[in-house]
């Protein structure tokens, strides 16, 4: 098995749209979605911000089984 890690830069306004478009474009199996959460300090106090998402995709080995046609079933 082969694993690929993708990075998507997001902000709070476009996170859902970017993630949805990206997940629908994948061919492999999604193993995990990891947000990079960075602590920030605002006037209201400490908060957190998501800078980017890491998506782990599992690429399967495509195996094509060649089988001769069975003409008896026709």
PDB file of N, CA and C in Angstrom:
ATOM      1  N   UNK A   1       0.828  -1.179   0.000  1.00  0.00           N
ATOM      2  CA  UNK A   1       0.000   0.000   0.000  1.00  0.00           C
ATOM      3  C   UNK A   1       0.877   1.248   0.000  1.00  0.00           C
ATOM      4  N   UNK A   2       0.370   2.272  -0.615  1.00  0.00           N
ATOM      5  CA  UNK A   2       1.081   3.532  -0.703  1.00  0.00           C
ATOM      6  C   UNK A   2       0.184   4.620  -0.108  1.00  0.00           C
ATOM      7  N   UNK A   3       0.774   5.477   0.718  1.00  0.00           N
ATOM      8  CA  UNK A   3       0.038   6.567   1.343  1.00  0.00           C
ATOM      9  C   UNK A   3       0.550   7.889   0.812  1.00  0.00           C
ATOM     10  N   UNK A   4      -0.363   8.820   0.569  1.00  0.00           N
ATOM     11  CA  UNK A   4      -0.018  10.157   0.100  1.00  0.00           C
ATOM     12  C   UNK A   4      -0.624  11.156   1.076  1.00  0.00           C
ATOM     13  N   UNK A   5       0.170  12.165   1.477  1.00  0.00           N
ATOM     14  CA  UNK A   5      -0.318  13.214   2.370  1.00  0.00           C
ATOM     15  C   UNK A   5      -0.478  14.482   1.544  1.00  0.00           C
ATOM     16  N   UNK A   6      -1.691  15.027   1.548  1.00  0.00           N
ATOM     17  CA  UNK A   6      -2.005  16.256   0.827  1.00  0.00           C
ATOM     18  C   UNK A   6      -2.167  17.390   1.835  1.00  0.00           C
ATOM     19  N   UNK A   7      -1.802  18.613   1.423  1.00  0.00           N
ATOM     20  CA  UNK A   7      -1.970  19.798   2.267  1.00  0.00           C
ATOM     21  C   UNK A   7      -2.899  20.778   1.559  1.00  0.00           C
ATOM     22  N   UNK A   8      -3.909  21.267   2.305  1.00  0.00           N
ATOM     23  CA  UNK A   8      -4.843  22.253   1.767  1.00  0.00           C
ATOM     24  C   UNK A   8      -4.803  23.470   2.683  1.00  0.00           C
ATOM     25  N   UNK A   9      -4.422  24.621   2.143  1.00  0.00           N
ATOM     26  CA  UNK A   9      -4.451  25.866   2.910  1.00  0.00           C
ATOM     27  C   UNK A   9      -5.885  26.374   2.965  1.00  0.00           C
ATOM     28  N   UNK A  10      -6.381  26.647   4.160  1.00  0.00           N
ATOM     29  CA  UNK A  10      -7.774  27.055   4.348  1.00  0.00           C
ATOM     30  C   UNK A  10      -7.847  28.233   5.309  1.00  0.00           C
ATOM     31  N   UNK A  11      -9.002  28.867   5.308  1.00  0.00           N
ATOM     32  CA  UNK A  11      -9.340  29.830   6.346  1.00  0.00           C
ATOM     33  C   UNK A  11     -10.779  29.564   6.764  1.00  0.00           C
ATOM     34  N   UNK A  12     -11.272  30.304   7.735  1.00  0.00           N
ATOM     35  CA  UNK A  12     -12.596  29.980   8.288  1.00  0.00           C
ATOM     36  C   UNK A  12     -13.723  30.194   7.284  1.00  0.00           C
ATOM     37  N   UNK A  13     -13.492  31.000   6.238  1.00  0.00           N
ATOM     38  CA  UNK A  13     -14.547  31.283   5.272  1.00  0.00           C
ATOM     39  C   UNK A  13     -14.691  30.217   4.192  1.00  0.00           C
ATOM     40  N   UNK A  14     -13.595  29.534   3.847  1.00  0.00           N
ATOM     41  CA  UNK A  14     -13.665  28.602   2.718  1.00  0.00           C
ATOM     42  C   UNK A  14     -13.287  27.167   3.079  1.00  0.00           C
ATOM     43  N   UNK A  15     -13.178  26.860   4.346  1.00  0.00           N
ATOM     44  CA  UNK A  15     -12.704  25.536   4.765  1.00  0.00           C
ATOM     45  C   UNK A  15     -13.607  24.410   4.281  1.00  0.00           C
ATOM     46  N   UNK A  16     -14.892  24.534   4.483  1.00  0.00           N
ATOM     47  CA  UNK A  16     -15.810  23.455   4.120  1.00  0.00           C
ATOM     48  C   UNK A  16     -15.845  23.243   2.605  1.00  0.00           C
ATOM     49  N   UNK A  17     -15.884  24.329   1.841  1.00  0.00           N
ATOM     50  CA  UNK A  17     -15.946  24.207   0.387  1.00  0.00           C
ATOM     51  C   UNK A  17     -14.688  23.564  -0.179  1.00  0.00           C
ATOM     52  N   UNK A  18     -13.515  24.014   0.291  1.00  0.00           N
ATOM     53  CA  UNK A  18     -12.269  23.452  -0.214  1.00  0.00           C
ATOM     54  C   UNK A  18     -12.126  21.979   0.143  1.00  0.00           C
ATOM     55  N   UNK A  19     -12.493  21.620   1.382  1.00  0.00           N
ATOM     56  CA  UNK A  19     -12.393  20.223   1.802  1.00  0.00           C
ATOM     57  C   UNK A  19     -13.345  19.341   1.002  1.00  0.00           C
ATOM     58  N   UNK A  20     -14.565  19.804   0.802  1.00  0.00           N
ATOM     59  CA  UNK A  20     -15.545  19.020   0.043  1.00  0.00           C
ATOM     60  C   UNK A  20     -15.090  18.805  -1.399  1.00  0.00           C
ATOM     61  N   UNK A  21     -14.619  19.855  -2.048  1.00  0.00           N
ATOM     62  CA  UNK A  21     -14.145  19.719  -3.431  1.00  0.00           C
ATOM     63  C   UNK A  21     -12.956  18.779  -3.522  1.00  0.00           C
ATOM     64  N   UNK A  22     -12.052  18.892  -2.569  1.00  0.00           N
ATOM     65  CA  UNK A  22     -10.867  18.048  -2.605  1.00  0.00           C
ATOM     66  C   UNK A  22     -11.218  16.583  -2.355  1.00  0.00           C
ATOM     67  N   UNK A  23     -12.042  16.299  -1.350  1.00  0.00           N
ATOM     68  CA  UNK A  23     -12.401  14.912  -1.037  1.00  0.00           C
ATOM     69  C   UNK A  23     -13.138  14.248  -2.194  1.00  0.00           C
ATOM     70  N   UNK A  24     -13.973  15.003  -2.888  1.00  0.00           N
ATOM     71  CA  UNK A  24     -14.706  14.433  -4.017  1.00  0.00           C
ATOM     72  C   UNK A  24     -13.807  14.175  -5.224  1.00  0.00           C
ATOM     73  N   UNK A  25     -12.635  14.800  -5.263  1.00  0.00           N
ATOM     74  CA  UNK A  25     -11.730  14.600  -6.390  1.00  0.00           C
ATOM     75  C   UNK A  25     -10.736  13.459  -6.172  1.00  0.00           C
ATOM     76  N   UNK A  26     -10.696  12.889  -4.978  1.00  0.00           N
ATOM     77  CA  UNK A  26      -9.727  11.825  -4.680  1.00  0.00           C
ATOM     78  C   UNK A  26     -10.166  10.496  -5.276  1.00  0.00           C
ATOM     79  N   UNK A  27      -9.182   9.690  -5.634  1.00  0.00           N
ATOM     80  CA  UNK A  27      -9.457   8.350  -6.148  1.00  0.00           C
ATOM     81  C   UNK A  27      -9.259   7.283  -5.087  1.00  0.00           C
ATOM     82  N   UNK A  28      -8.391   7.540  -4.115  1.00  0.00           N
ATOM     83  CA  UNK A  28      -8.080   6.559  -3.078  1.00  0.00           C
ATOM     84  C   UNK A  28      -9.013   6.671  -1.886  1.00  0.00           C
ATOM     85  N   UNK A  29      -8.658   5.962  -0.837  1.00  0.00           N
ATOM     86  CA  UNK A  29      -9.430   5.936   0.401  1.00  0.00           C
ATOM     87  C   UNK A  29      -8.848   6.961   1.375  1.00  0.00           C
ATOM     88  N   UNK A  30      -9.722   7.791   1.971  1.00  0.00           N
ATOM     89  CA  UNK A  30      -9.274   8.793   2.939  1.00  0.00           C
ATOM     90  C   UNK A  30      -9.076   8.105   4.285  1.00  0.00           C
ATOM     91  N   UNK A  31      -7.856   8.202   4.810  1.00  0.00           N
ATOM     92  CA  UNK A  31      -7.526   7.597   6.092  1.00  0.00           C
ATOM     93  C   UNK A  31      -7.779   8.578   7.231  1.00  0.00           C
ATOM     94  N   UNK A  32      -7.365   9.841   7.036  1.00  0.00           N
ATOM     95  CA  UNK A  32      -7.479  10.809   8.122  1.00  0.00           C
ATOM     96  C   UNK A  32      -7.455  12.228   7.577  1.00  0.00           C
ATOM     97  N   UNK A  33      -8.127  13.137   8.299  1.00  0.00           N
ATOM     98  CA  UNK A  33      -8.059  14.573   8.029  1.00  0.00           C
ATOM     99  C   UNK A  33      -7.557  15.217   9.309  1.00  0.00           C
ATOM    100  N   UNK A  34      -6.389  15.859   9.223  1.00  0.00           N
ATOM    101  CA  UNK A  34      -5.744  16.444  10.402  1.00  0.00           C
ATOM    102  C   UNK A  34      -5.666  17.957  10.265  1.00  0.00           C
ATOM    103  N   UNK A  35      -6.313  18.706  11.149  1.00  0.00           N
ATOM    104  CA  UNK A  35      -6.185  20.161  11.092  1.00  0.00           C
ATOM    105  C   UNK A  35      -4.923  20.626  11.815  1.00  0.00           C
ATOM    106  N   UNK A  36      -4.280  21.660  11.291  1.00  0.00           N
ATOM    107  CA  UNK A  36      -3.159  22.290  11.981  1.00  0.00           C
ATOM    108  C   UNK A  36      -3.736  23.463  12.762  1.00  0.00           C
ATOM    109  N   UNK A  37      -3.874  23.299  14.072  1.00  0.00           N
ATOM    110  CA  UNK A  37      -4.492  24.306  14.932  1.00  0.00           C
ATOM    111  C   UNK A  37      -3.394  25.128  15.601  1.00  0.00           C
ATOM    112  N   UNK A  38      -3.474  26.445  15.381  1.00  0.00           N
ATOM    113  CA  UNK A  38      -2.478  27.356  15.944  1.00  0.00           C
ATOM    114  C   UNK A  38      -3.159  28.248  16.976  1.00  0.00           C
ATOM    115  N   UNK A  39      -2.609  28.320  18.192  1.00  0.00           N
ATOM    116  CA  UNK A  39      -3.211  29.211  19.194  1.00  0.00           C
ATOM    117  C   UNK A  39      -2.962  30.678  18.840  1.00  0.00           C
ATOM    118  N   UNK A  40      -3.979  31.496  19.028  1.00  0.00           N
ATOM    119  CA  UNK A  40      -3.861  32.935  18.807  1.00  0.00           C
ATOM    120  C   UNK A  40      -4.461  33.668  19.995  1.00  0.00           C
ATOM    121  N   UNK A  41      -4.117  34.917  20.133  1.00  0.00           N
ATOM    122  CA  UNK A  41      -4.653  35.745  21.214  1.00  0.00           C
ATOM    123  C   UNK A  41      -5.352  36.947  20.613  1.00  0.00           C
ATOM    124  N   UNK A  42      -6.629  37.075  20.921  1.00  0.00           N
ATOM    125  CA  UNK A  42      -7.456  38.179  20.449  1.00  0.00           C
ATOM    126  C   UNK A  42      -7.851  39.048  21.640  1.00  0.00           C
ATOM    127  N   UNK A  43      -8.607  40.092  21.393  1.00  0.00           N
ATOM    128  CA  UNK A  43      -9.079  40.951  22.483  1.00  0.00           C
ATOM    129  C   UNK A  43      -9.954  40.192  23.475  1.00  0.00           C
ATOM    130  N   UNK A  44     -10.683  39.210  22.973  1.00  0.00           N
ATOM    131  CA  UNK A  44     -11.577  38.435  23.845  1.00  0.00           C
ATOM    132  C   UNK A  44     -10.835  37.358  24.623  1.00  0.00           C
ATOM    133  N   UNK A  45      -9.568  37.151  24.325  1.00  0.00           N
ATOM    134  CA  UNK A  45      -8.781  36.140  25.027  1.00  0.00           C
ATOM    135  C   UNK A  45      -8.172  35.149  24.060  1.00  0.00           C
ATOM    136  N   UNK A  46      -7.639  34.064  24.603  1.00  0.00           N
ATOM    137  CA  UNK A  46      -6.999  33.069  23.736  1.00  0.00           C
ATOM    138  C   UNK A  46      -8.021  32.306  22.890  1.00  0.00           C
ATOM    139  N   UNK A  47      -7.688  32.122  21.629  1.00  0.00           N
ATOM    140  CA  UNK A  47      -8.527  31.360  20.704  1.00  0.00           C
ATOM    141  C   UNK A  47      -7.608  30.466  19.868  1.00  0.00           C
ATOM    142  N   UNK A  48      -8.168  29.822  18.878  1.00  0.00           N
ATOM    143  CA  UNK A  48      -7.377  28.957  18.000  1.00  0.00           C
ATOM    144  C   UNK A  48      -7.755  29.231  16.554  1.00  0.00           C
ATOM    145  N   UNK A  49      -6.818  28.970  15.653  1.00  0.00           N
ATOM    146  CA  UNK A  49      -7.032  29.190  14.230  1.00  0.00           C
ATOM    147  C   UNK A  49      -6.496  27.980  13.465  1.00  0.00           C
ATOM    148  N   UNK A  50      -7.256  27.541  12.459  1.00  0.00           N
ATOM    149  CA  UNK A  50      -6.823  26.441  11.597  1.00  0.00           C
ATOM    150  C   UNK A  50      -6.177  27.051  10.362  1.00  0.00           C
ATOM    151  N   UNK A  51      -4.885  26.763  10.162  1.00  0.00           N
ATOM    152  CA  UNK A  51      -4.154  27.298   9.013  1.00  0.00           C
ATOM    153  C   UNK A  51      -4.283  26.406   7.781  1.00  0.00           C
ATOM    154  N   UNK A  52      -4.148  25.112   7.986  1.00  0.00           N
ATOM    155  CA  UNK A  52      -4.219  24.181   6.866  1.00  0.00           C
ATOM    156  C   UNK A  52      -4.680  22.827   7.359  1.00  0.00           C
ATOM    157  N   UNK A  53      -5.076  21.988   6.401  1.00  0.00           N
ATOM    158  CA  UNK A  53      -5.513  20.618   6.679  1.00  0.00           C
ATOM    159  C   UNK A  53      -4.558  19.658   5.993  1.00  0.00           C
ATOM    160  N   UNK A  54      -4.235  18.566   6.680  1.00  0.00           N
ATOM    161  CA  UNK A  54      -3.484  17.475   6.070  1.00  0.00           C
ATOM    162  C   UNK A  54      -4.446  16.317   5.855  1.00  0.00           C
ATOM    163  N   UNK A  55      -4.492  15.815   4.647  1.00  0.00           N
ATOM    164  CA  UNK A  55      -5.364  14.688   4.322  1.00  0.00           C
ATOM    165  C   UNK A  55      -4.486  13.514   3.939  1.00  0.00           C
ATOM    166  N   UNK A  56      -4.666  12.385   4.619  1.00  0.00           N
ATOM    167  CA  UNK A  56      -3.906  11.174   4.335  1.00  0.00           C
ATOM    168  C   UNK A  56      -4.769  10.286   3.454  1.00  0.00           C
ATOM    169  N   UNK A  57      -4.241   9.968   2.276  1.00  0.00           N
ATOM    170  CA  UNK A  57      -4.958   9.152   1.301  1.00  0.00           C
ATOM    171  C   UNK A  57      -4.215   7.839   1.100  1.00  0.00           C
ATOM    172  N   UNK A  58      -4.958   6.756   1.077  1.00  0.00           N
ATOM    173  CA  UNK A  58      -4.384   5.431   0.841  1.00  0.00           C
ATOM    174  C   UNK A  58      -4.647   5.049  -0.602  1.00  0.00           C
ATOM    175  N   UNK A  59      -3.567   4.876  -1.339  1.00  0.00           N
ATOM    176  CA  UNK A  59      -3.677   4.464  -2.737  1.00  0.00           C
ATOM    177  C   UNK A  59      -3.584   2.952  -2.791  1.00  0.00           C
ATOM    178  N   UNK A  60      -4.599   2.315  -3.300  1.00  0.00           N
ATOM    179  CA  UNK A  60      -4.587   0.864  -3.413  1.00  0.00           C
ATOM    180  C   UNK A  60      -3.899   0.418  -4.685  1.00  0.00           C
ATOM    181  N   UNK A  61      -3.461  -0.796  -4.690  1.00  0.00           N
ATOM    182  CA  UNK A  61      -2.859  -1.377  -5.877  1.00  0.00           C
ATOM    183  C   UNK A  61      -3.988  -1.908  -6.743  1.00  0.00           C
ATOM    184  N   UNK A  62      -4.055  -1.390  -7.945  1.00  0.00           N
ATOM    185  CA  UNK A  62      -5.108  -1.807  -8.860  1.00  0.00           C
ATOM    186  C   UNK A  62      -4.702  -3.114  -9.512  1.00  0.00           C
ATOM    187  N   UNK A  63      -5.460  -4.143  -9.248  1.00  0.00           N
ATOM    188  CA  UNK A  63      -5.180  -5.451  -9.829  1.00  0.00           C
ATOM    189  C   UNK A  63      -6.320  -5.819 -10.764  1.00  0.00           C
ATOM    190  N   UNK A  64      -5.981  -6.021 -12.005  1.00  0.00           N
ATOM    191  CA  UNK A  64      -6.982  -6.397 -13.000  1.00  0.00           C
ATOM    192  C   UNK A  64      -6.839  -7.888 -13.263  1.00  0.00           C
ATOM    193  N   UNK A  65      -7.881  -8.608 -12.983  1.00  0.00           N
ATOM    194  CA  UNK A  65      -7.873 -10.051 -13.211  1.00  0.00           C
ATOM    195  C   UNK A  65      -8.424 -10.308 -14.604  1.00  0.00           C
ATOM    196  N   UNK A  66      -7.595 -10.890 -15.422  1.00  0.00           N
ATOM    197  CA  UNK A  66      -8.018 -11.205 -16.780  1.00  0.00           C
ATOM    198  C   UNK A  66      -8.612 -12.610 -16.784  1.00  0.00           C
ATOM    199  N   UNK A  67      -9.798 -12.672 -17.281  1.00  0.00           N
ATOM    200  CA  UNK A  67     -10.500 -13.949 -17.297  1.00  0.00           C
ATOM    201  C   UNK A  67     -11.041 -14.171 -18.707  1.00  0.00           C
ATOM    202  N   UNK A  68     -10.844 -15.344 -19.192  1.00  0.00           N
ATOM    203  CA  UNK A  68     -11.363 -15.628 -20.517  1.00  0.00           C
ATOM    204  C   UNK A  68     -12.887 -15.712 -20.440  1.00  0.00           C
ATOM    205  N   UNK A  69     -13.558 -15.250 -21.482  1.00  0.00           N
ATOM    206  CA  UNK A  69     -15.015 -15.271 -21.446  1.00  0.00           C
ATOM    207  C   UNK A  69     -15.566 -16.691 -21.462  1.00  0.00           C
ATOM    208  N   UNK A  70     -16.643 -16.889 -20.773  1.00  0.00           N
ATOM    209  CA  UNK A  70     -17.299 -18.183 -20.712  1.00  0.00           C
ATOM    210  C   UNK A  70     -18.500 -18.126 -21.654  1.00  0.00           C
ATOM    211  N   UNK A  71     -18.344 -18.737 -22.811  1.00  0.00           N
ATOM    212  CA  UNK A  71     -19.406 -18.659 -23.812  1.00  0.00           C
ATOM    213  C   UNK A  71     -20.535 -19.633 -23.545  1.00  0.00           C
ATOM    214  N   UNK A  72     -20.390 -20.500 -22.555  1.00  0.00           N
ATOM    215  CA  UNK A  72     -21.454 -21.450 -22.229  1.00  0.00           C
ATOM    216  C   UNK A  72     -22.620 -20.766 -21.570  1.00  0.00           C
ATOM    217  N   UNK A  73     -22.383 -19.584 -20.953  1.00  0.00           N
ATOM    218  CA  UNK A  73     -23.454 -18.879 -20.251  1.00  0.00           C
ATOM    219  C   UNK A  73     -24.347 -18.076 -21.190  1.00  0.00           C
ATOM    220  N   UNK A  74     -23.959 -17.957 -22.468  1.00  0.00           N
ATOM    221  CA  UNK A  74     -24.741 -17.132 -23.403  1.00  0.00           C
ATOM    222  C   UNK A  74     -25.936 -17.830 -23.924  1.00  0.00           C
TER     223      UNK A  74
END
